[in-house]
């Protein structure tokens, strides 16, 4: 099961609170970000990961859950 399939499965579950899902992938071609977001992911970061950017994304979602 890949990330898109996993996301679609999680989104199909009867979960009241929306779980943030962030794509961390080597797929960085034009249209990849949109493909992941359309699958139900909230955000996307491509490899190689810039630590500052990754931390900023995580902080954004941690703020939303507190």
PDB file of N, CA and C in Angstrom:
ATOM      1  N   UNK A   1       0.857  -1.170   0.000  1.00  0.00           N
ATOM      2  CA  UNK A   1       0.000   0.000   0.000  1.00  0.00           C
ATOM      3  C   UNK A   1       0.904   1.233   0.000  1.00  0.00           C
ATOM      4  N   UNK A   2       0.682   2.114  -0.951  1.00  0.00           N
ATOM      5  CA  UNK A   2       1.490   3.332  -0.997  1.00  0.00           C
ATOM      6  C   UNK A   2       0.830   4.448  -0.182  1.00  0.00           C
ATOM      7  N   UNK A   3       1.441   5.605  -0.167  1.00  0.00           N
ATOM      8  CA  UNK A   3       0.943   6.714   0.648  1.00  0.00           C
ATOM      9  C   UNK A   3      -0.434   7.202   0.233  1.00  0.00           C
ATOM     10  N   UNK A   4      -0.701   7.234  -1.067  1.00  0.00           N
ATOM     11  CA  UNK A   4      -2.012   7.686  -1.534  1.00  0.00           C
ATOM     12  C   UNK A   4      -3.087   6.685  -1.135  1.00  0.00           C
ATOM     13  N   UNK A   5      -2.809   5.398  -1.322  1.00  0.00           N
ATOM     14  CA  UNK A   5      -3.770   4.364  -0.917  1.00  0.00           C
ATOM     15  C   UNK A   5      -4.010   4.397   0.587  1.00  0.00           C
ATOM     16  N   UNK A   6      -2.931   4.567   1.352  1.00  0.00           N
ATOM     17  CA  UNK A   6      -3.044   4.641   2.819  1.00  0.00           C
ATOM     18  C   UNK A   6      -3.895   5.832   3.240  1.00  0.00           C
ATOM     19  N   UNK A   7      -3.661   6.964   2.613  1.00  0.00           N
ATOM     20  CA  UNK A   7      -4.419   8.170   2.936  1.00  0.00           C
ATOM     21  C   UNK A   7      -5.897   7.983   2.635  1.00  0.00           C
ATOM     22  N   UNK A   8      -6.204   7.426   1.474  1.00  0.00           N
ATOM     23  CA  UNK A   8      -7.605   7.191   1.113  1.00  0.00           C
ATOM     24  C   UNK A   8      -8.263   6.236   2.103  1.00  0.00           C
ATOM     25  N   UNK A   9      -7.526   5.224   2.557  1.00  0.00           N
ATOM     26  CA  UNK A   9      -8.080   4.293   3.545  1.00  0.00           C
ATOM     27  C   UNK A   9      -8.346   5.009   4.871  1.00  0.00           C
ATOM     28  N   UNK A  10      -7.386   5.793   5.337  1.00  0.00           N
ATOM     29  CA  UNK A  10      -7.566   6.523   6.604  1.00  0.00           C
ATOM     30  C   UNK A  10      -8.757   7.465   6.495  1.00  0.00           C
ATOM     31  N   UNK A  11      -8.881   8.161   5.374  1.00  0.00           N
ATOM     32  CA  UNK A  11      -9.986   9.103   5.191  1.00  0.00           C
ATOM     33  C   UNK A  11     -11.340   8.388   5.109  1.00  0.00           C
ATOM     34  N   UNK A  12     -11.344   7.110   4.738  1.00  0.00           N
ATOM     35  CA  UNK A  12     -12.605   6.370   4.647  1.00  0.00           C
ATOM     36  C   UNK A  12     -13.096   5.886   6.013  1.00  0.00           C
ATOM     37  N   UNK A  13     -12.236   5.927   7.017  1.00  0.00           N
ATOM     38  CA  UNK A  13     -12.610   5.483   8.360  1.00  0.00           C
ATOM     39  C   UNK A  13     -13.517   6.510   9.027  1.00  0.00           C
ATOM     40  N   UNK A  14     -14.311   6.052   9.957  1.00  0.00           N
ATOM     41  CA  UNK A  14     -15.221   6.945  10.672  1.00  0.00           C
ATOM     42  C   UNK A  14     -14.488   7.574  11.859  1.00  0.00           C
ATOM     43  N   UNK A  15     -13.646   8.551  11.539  1.00  0.00           N
ATOM     44  CA  UNK A  15     -12.864   9.251  12.559  1.00  0.00           C
ATOM     45  C   UNK A  15     -13.382  10.680  12.627  1.00  0.00           C
ATOM     46  N   UNK A  16     -13.790  11.099  13.810  1.00  0.00           N
ATOM     47  CA  UNK A  16     -14.373  12.437  13.962  1.00  0.00           C
ATOM     48  C   UNK A  16     -13.353  13.534  13.707  1.00  0.00           C
ATOM     49  N   UNK A  17     -12.166  13.372  14.260  1.00  0.00           N
ATOM     50  CA  UNK A  17     -11.132  14.399  14.106  1.00  0.00           C
ATOM     51  C   UNK A  17     -10.288  14.078  12.881  1.00  0.00           C
ATOM     52  N   UNK A  18     -10.039  15.066  12.042  1.00  0.00           N
ATOM     53  CA  UNK A  18      -9.249  14.842  10.840  1.00  0.00           C
ATOM     54  C   UNK A  18      -7.768  14.761  11.205  1.00  0.00           C
ATOM     55  N   UNK A  19      -7.165  13.640  10.919  1.00  0.00           N
ATOM     56  CA  UNK A  19      -5.765  13.398  11.215  1.00  0.00           C
ATOM     57  C   UNK A  19      -4.908  14.064  10.135  1.00  0.00           C
ATOM     58  N   UNK A  20      -3.947  14.904  10.528  1.00  0.00           N
ATOM     59  CA  UNK A  20      -3.081  15.513   9.522  1.00  0.00           C
ATOM     60  C   UNK A  20      -2.172  14.462   8.889  1.00  0.00           C
ATOM     61  N   UNK A  21      -2.105  14.451   7.573  1.00  0.00           N
ATOM     62  CA  UNK A  21      -1.218  13.555   6.847  1.00  0.00           C
ATOM     63  C   UNK A  21      -0.346  14.426   5.945  1.00  0.00           C
ATOM     64  N   UNK A  22       0.961  14.252   6.094  1.00  0.00           N
ATOM     65  CA  UNK A  22       1.922  15.037   5.325  1.00  0.00           C
ATOM     66  C   UNK A  22       2.712  14.079   4.433  1.00  0.00           C
ATOM     67  N   UNK A  23       2.682  14.315   3.141  1.00  0.00           N
ATOM     68  CA  UNK A  23       3.453  13.503   2.210  1.00  0.00           C
ATOM     69  C   UNK A  23       4.922  13.876   2.313  1.00  0.00           C
ATOM     70  N   UNK A  24       5.766  12.890   2.523  1.00  0.00           N
ATOM     71  CA  UNK A  24       7.209  13.072   2.502  1.00  0.00           C
ATOM     72  C   UNK A  24       7.690  12.139   1.395  1.00  0.00           C
ATOM     73  N   UNK A  25       8.081  12.703   0.271  1.00  0.00           N
ATOM     74  CA  UNK A  25       8.291  11.896  -0.920  1.00  0.00           C
ATOM     75  C   UNK A  25       9.416  12.405  -1.803  1.00  0.00           C
ATOM     76  N   UNK A  26       9.930  11.514  -2.613  1.00  0.00           N
ATOM     77  CA  UNK A  26      10.928  11.900  -3.618  1.00  0.00           C
ATOM     78  C   UNK A  26      10.238  12.375  -4.894  1.00  0.00           C
ATOM     79  N   UNK A  27       8.924  12.208  -4.980  1.00  0.00           N
ATOM     80  CA  UNK A  27       8.171  12.666  -6.154  1.00  0.00           C
ATOM     81  C   UNK A  27       8.057  14.183  -6.109  1.00  0.00           C
ATOM     82  N   UNK A  28       8.769  14.827  -7.002  1.00  0.00           N
ATOM     83  CA  UNK A  28       8.787  16.295  -7.000  1.00  0.00           C
ATOM     84  C   UNK A  28       8.534  16.864  -8.392  1.00  0.00           C
ATOM     85  N   UNK A  29       7.797  16.125  -9.189  1.00  0.00           N
ATOM     86  CA  UNK A  29       7.478  16.599 -10.530  1.00  0.00           C
ATOM     87  C   UNK A  29       6.266  17.516 -10.494  1.00  0.00           C
ATOM     88  N   UNK A  30       6.101  18.286 -11.556  1.00  0.00           N
ATOM     89  CA  UNK A  30       4.956  19.179 -11.645  1.00  0.00           C
ATOM     90  C   UNK A  30       3.672  18.354 -11.523  1.00  0.00           C
ATOM     91  N   UNK A  31       2.785  18.766 -10.637  1.00  0.00           N
ATOM     92  CA  UNK A  31       1.510  18.083 -10.440  1.00  0.00           C
ATOM     93  C   UNK A  31       1.517  17.073  -9.305  1.00  0.00           C
ATOM     94  N   UNK A  32       2.692  16.701  -8.798  1.00  0.00           N
ATOM     95  CA  UNK A  32       2.745  15.726  -7.705  1.00  0.00           C
ATOM     96  C   UNK A  32       2.097  16.269  -6.437  1.00  0.00           C
ATOM     97  N   UNK A  33       2.396  17.515  -6.096  1.00  0.00           N
ATOM     98  CA  UNK A  33       1.809  18.117  -4.885  1.00  0.00           C
ATOM     99  C   UNK A  33       0.291  18.061  -4.948  1.00  0.00           C
ATOM    100  N   UNK A  34      -0.261  18.449  -6.081  1.00  0.00           N
ATOM    101  CA  UNK A  34      -1.714  18.455  -6.245  1.00  0.00           C
ATOM    102  C   UNK A  34      -2.285  17.052  -6.123  1.00  0.00           C
ATOM    103  N   UNK A  35      -1.570  16.065  -6.659  1.00  0.00           N
ATOM    104  CA  UNK A  35      -2.013  14.673  -6.589  1.00  0.00           C
ATOM    105  C   UNK A  35      -2.126  14.212  -5.135  1.00  0.00           C
ATOM    106  N   UNK A  36      -1.152  14.570  -4.321  1.00  0.00           N
ATOM    107  CA  UNK A  36      -1.169  14.172  -2.913  1.00  0.00           C
ATOM    108  C   UNK A  36      -2.267  14.912  -2.141  1.00  0.00           C
ATOM    109  N   UNK A  37      -2.430  16.189  -2.412  1.00  0.00           N
ATOM    110  CA  UNK A  37      -3.468  16.959  -1.725  1.00  0.00           C
ATOM    111  C   UNK A  37      -4.862  16.466  -2.114  1.00  0.00           C
ATOM    112  N   UNK A  38      -5.054  16.129  -3.379  1.00  0.00           N
ATOM    113  CA  UNK A  38      -6.344  15.600  -3.831  1.00  0.00           C
ATOM    114  C   UNK A  38      -6.655  14.256  -3.194  1.00  0.00           C
ATOM    115  N   UNK A  39      -5.635  13.506  -2.817  1.00  0.00           N
ATOM    116  CA  UNK A  39      -5.831  12.208  -2.171  1.00  0.00           C
ATOM    117  C   UNK A  39      -6.257  12.359  -0.713  1.00  0.00           C
ATOM    118  N   UNK A  40      -6.169  13.593  -0.173  1.00  0.00           N
ATOM    119  CA  UNK A  40      -6.601  13.820   1.200  1.00  0.00           C
ATOM    120  C   UNK A  40      -5.499  14.199   2.164  1.00  0.00           C
ATOM    121  N   UNK A  41      -4.294  14.363   1.651  1.00  0.00           N
ATOM    122  CA  UNK A  41      -3.196  14.797   2.517  1.00  0.00           C
ATOM    123  C   UNK A  41      -3.295  16.304   2.719  1.00  0.00           C
ATOM    124  N   UNK A  42      -2.824  16.783   3.869  1.00  0.00           N
ATOM    125  CA  UNK A  42      -2.895  18.212   4.155  1.00  0.00           C
ATOM    126  C   UNK A  42      -1.697  18.978   3.624  1.00  0.00           C
ATOM    127  N   UNK A  43      -0.557  18.301   3.503  1.00  0.00           N
ATOM    128  CA  UNK A  43       0.637  19.014   3.102  1.00  0.00           C
ATOM    129  C   UNK A  43       1.577  18.062   2.394  1.00  0.00           C
ATOM    130  N   UNK A  44       2.669  18.619   1.879  1.00  0.00           N
ATOM    131  CA  UNK A  44       3.601  17.882   1.033  1.00  0.00           C
ATOM    132  C   UNK A  44       4.985  18.479   1.183  1.00  0.00           C
ATOM    133  N   UNK A  45       5.973  17.623   1.294  1.00  0.00           N
ATOM    134  CA  UNK A  45       7.361  18.069   1.272  1.00  0.00           C
ATOM    135  C   UNK A  45       8.150  17.037   0.485  1.00  0.00           C
ATOM    136  N   UNK A  46       9.028  17.530  -0.389  1.00  0.00           N
ATOM    137  CA  UNK A  46       9.805  16.610  -1.211  1.00  0.00           C
ATOM    138  C   UNK A  46      11.217  16.451  -0.663  1.00  0.00           C
ATOM    139  N   UNK A  47      11.799  15.315  -0.986  1.00  0.00           N
ATOM    140  CA  UNK A  47      13.173  15.024  -0.592  1.00  0.00           C
ATOM    141  C   UNK A  47      14.111  15.628  -1.621  1.00  0.00           C
ATOM    142  N   UNK A  48      15.305  16.024  -1.264  1.00  0.00           N
ATOM    143  CA  UNK A  48      15.851  15.995   0.092  1.00  0.00           C
ATOM    144  C   UNK A  48      15.162  17.037   0.967  1.00  0.00           C
ATOM    145  N   UNK A  49      14.930  16.664   2.198  1.00  0.00           N
ATOM    146  CA  UNK A  49      14.167  17.505   3.113  1.00  0.00           C
ATOM    147  C   UNK A  49      15.053  18.602   3.701  1.00  0.00           C
ATOM    148  N   UNK A  50      14.551  19.820   3.631  1.00  0.00           N
ATOM    149  CA  UNK A  50      15.202  20.940   4.309  1.00  0.00           C
ATOM    150  C   UNK A  50      14.635  20.969   5.718  1.00  0.00           C
ATOM    151  N   UNK A  51      15.484  20.783   6.711  1.00  0.00           N
ATOM    152  CA  UNK A  51      15.012  20.629   8.090  1.00  0.00           C
ATOM    153  C   UNK A  51      14.186  21.812   8.568  1.00  0.00           C
ATOM    154  N   UNK A  52      14.556  23.032   8.197  1.00  0.00           N
ATOM    155  CA  UNK A  52      13.791  24.198   8.641  1.00  0.00           C
ATOM    156  C   UNK A  52      12.366  24.174   8.075  1.00  0.00           C
ATOM    157  N   UNK A  53      12.259  23.798   6.823  1.00  0.00           N
ATOM    158  CA  UNK A  53      10.944  23.734   6.177  1.00  0.00           C
ATOM    159  C   UNK A  53      10.089  22.632   6.806  1.00  0.00           C
ATOM    160  N   UNK A  54      10.704  21.482   7.069  1.00  0.00           N
ATOM    161  CA  UNK A  54       9.995  20.356   7.677  1.00  0.00           C
ATOM    162  C   UNK A  54       9.507  20.713   9.083  1.00  0.00           C
ATOM    163  N   UNK A  55      10.356  21.342   9.859  1.00  0.00           N
ATOM    164  CA  UNK A  55       9.984  21.754  11.219  1.00  0.00           C
ATOM    165  C   UNK A  55       8.846  22.765  11.178  1.00  0.00           C
ATOM    166  N   UNK A  56       8.878  23.688  10.230  1.00  0.00           N
ATOM    167  CA  UNK A  56       7.800  24.685  10.103  1.00  0.00           C
ATOM    168  C   UNK A  56       6.469  24.009   9.786  1.00  0.00           C
ATOM    169  N   UNK A  57       6.490  23.018   8.909  1.00  0.00           N
ATOM    170  CA  UNK A  57       5.258  22.294   8.576  1.00  0.00           C
ATOM    171  C   UNK A  57       4.719  21.568   9.805  1.00  0.00           C
ATOM    172  N   UNK A  58       5.602  20.874  10.520  1.00  0.00           N
ATOM    173  CA  UNK A  58       5.174  20.156  11.722  1.00  0.00           C
ATOM    174  C   UNK A  58       4.613  21.105  12.773  1.00  0.00           C
ATOM    175  N   UNK A  59       5.272  22.230  13.001  1.00  0.00           N
ATOM    176  CA  UNK A  59       4.787  23.205  13.973  1.00  0.00           C
ATOM    177  C   UNK A  59       3.411  23.717  13.603  1.00  0.00           C
ATOM    178  N   UNK A  60       3.165  23.916  12.329  1.00  0.00           N
ATOM    179  CA  UNK A  60       1.865  24.378  11.859  1.00  0.00           C
ATOM    180  C   UNK A  60       0.758  23.417  12.283  1.00  0.00           C
ATOM    181  N   UNK A  61       0.982  22.134  12.148  1.00  0.00           N
ATOM    182  CA  UNK A  61      -0.043  21.158  12.499  1.00  0.00           C
ATOM    183  C   UNK A  61      -0.101  20.885  13.987  1.00  0.00           C
ATOM    184  N   UNK A  62       1.015  21.047  14.691  1.00  0.00           N
ATOM    185  CA  UNK A  62       0.991  20.905  16.143  1.00  0.00           C
ATOM    186  C   UNK A  62       0.183  22.019  16.783  1.00  0.00           C
ATOM    187  N   UNK A  63       0.256  23.230  16.225  1.00  0.00           N
ATOM    188  CA  UNK A  63      -0.531  24.359  16.731  1.00  0.00           C
ATOM    189  C   UNK A  63      -2.017  24.078  16.571  1.00  0.00           C
ATOM    190  N   UNK A  64      -2.385  23.464  15.465  1.00  0.00           N
ATOM    191  CA  UNK A  64      -3.799  23.194  15.175  1.00  0.00           C
ATOM    192  C   UNK A  64      -4.381  22.124  16.085  1.00  0.00           C
ATOM    193  N   UNK A  65      -3.539  21.242  16.638  1.00  0.00           N
ATOM    194  CA  UNK A  65      -4.047  20.175  17.500  1.00  0.00           C
ATOM    195  C   UNK A  65      -4.040  20.539  18.971  1.00  0.00           C
ATOM    196  N   UNK A  66      -3.405  21.647  19.322  1.00  0.00           N
ATOM    197  CA  UNK A  66      -3.362  22.058  20.741  1.00  0.00           C
ATOM    198  C   UNK A  66      -4.438  23.050  21.066  1.00  0.00           C
TER     199      UNK A  66
END
